[in-house]
Amino acid sequence: MDFEFPLQAIPEVMRGPRVERRHILLGGSAFWGTIVEADDARGDRQGMLRIDDGRLVDPQTVTHLPPVDPSKIIAVHISYRSRSMETRNKPKPTDTPTYFTKPPTSLNGHGGQILKPADCRYLNYESEYAVVIGRTCRNVLPDEAWDYIEGFCPALDMGLQDFRDTDQGSMLRVKGADTLLPIGPGIVRGVNLFEQTLRTYRNGRVVQEAHIGDETIWGPHYVIADIARHITLVPGDVILMGTPCHSRSVDAGDLVECEITGLGRLSGRVVQIDAPRAAALGVGHPPGDSPEVRRVALGFDERVPERFKENYRLAAQQPE
């Protein structure tokens, strides 16, 4: 069985032709549509969105909804070698994957606002690819798991690292707050994921980059088989597959983008909001700025490429 890379054969979900499905809001109603992949005889232009009712719209003129409706969202802690080297100083963080969950209420659409409370200092980006489950999956082998995948999406696994001390075990508030999972623009099939490059942009400058096939420790087939040993995955469920090195904090006004070649480019704008009303009464653990919080939020600059650090610094001075 095929646990490791390179894969012996390309699974059907990653074999062409490319198909991208998007979920949008148009005229106050939600619709599904498919991206036009090439100019055709009907006069449909490449890049336009053909709604399922036959209408053709420019995807840049509509509001994007998350293209998923999960019962659960499960995230791998570390699955890229560069991230493991930065945080653990070794190429593989643990013998097997470890996980946390994000609530469905954290979902956000392409082009949405990412909310940063005024009493929180560290809101970190993490660009990832998301795996979307297409049919009910339980007790499968890794080489069978590919058949349960609907497709893949770019995703931003944003995190309020100020709560890293108190929520270290659960990541509940760190990763679970509203708007902290922009995903989309669409679900894509027919693209060989392991030939693609993932990049994060802060205000147009590259601050993360990794070739997915070169850096991956555990593929989605292994992760699905692992989770489905004990947890039934149902259609629409989302698995987030981790991020490469150089996750760092962003500021209100910053434009954060996740680009995965072959899948698309997802964006979100960081917007500051008031601190929660209950915070003034001392309810709950306050946002912190401890050594552990800073260790995760600020990372290890000596273990990441110099160009990411320089672009991050320049992007902070030139917000879009």
Foldseek 3Di string as FASTA:
>chain_A
DDWADDDPDFDQQQADDKWWKFWFADPNDIFIWIAACDQDPVRDHGQWTQTPVGDTHRVVVTGTFAQFDFPWEKEWAAFFQQACCQQVVGRDNDPDTDIATAHPQQEDEFAEAAEDEPQFDFKWWFKFKKWFFAAKDAQDALVPQSVRTPAIKIKIQIFRLLCCVVCVPHSHRGRHDGNRIYIDSTGMGRRRQQQKKKFKAKQRATQFIDRCNVTGRGDPSRVRNVVRHPDMGGGRYMYTYTGHDGIAGDDQLIKMWMDIPPHGIGIYGYHYDYHDPCVVVVPDDGRHDDPVSCCVRVTRVVSDDPRSVVSVVVSNVPGD
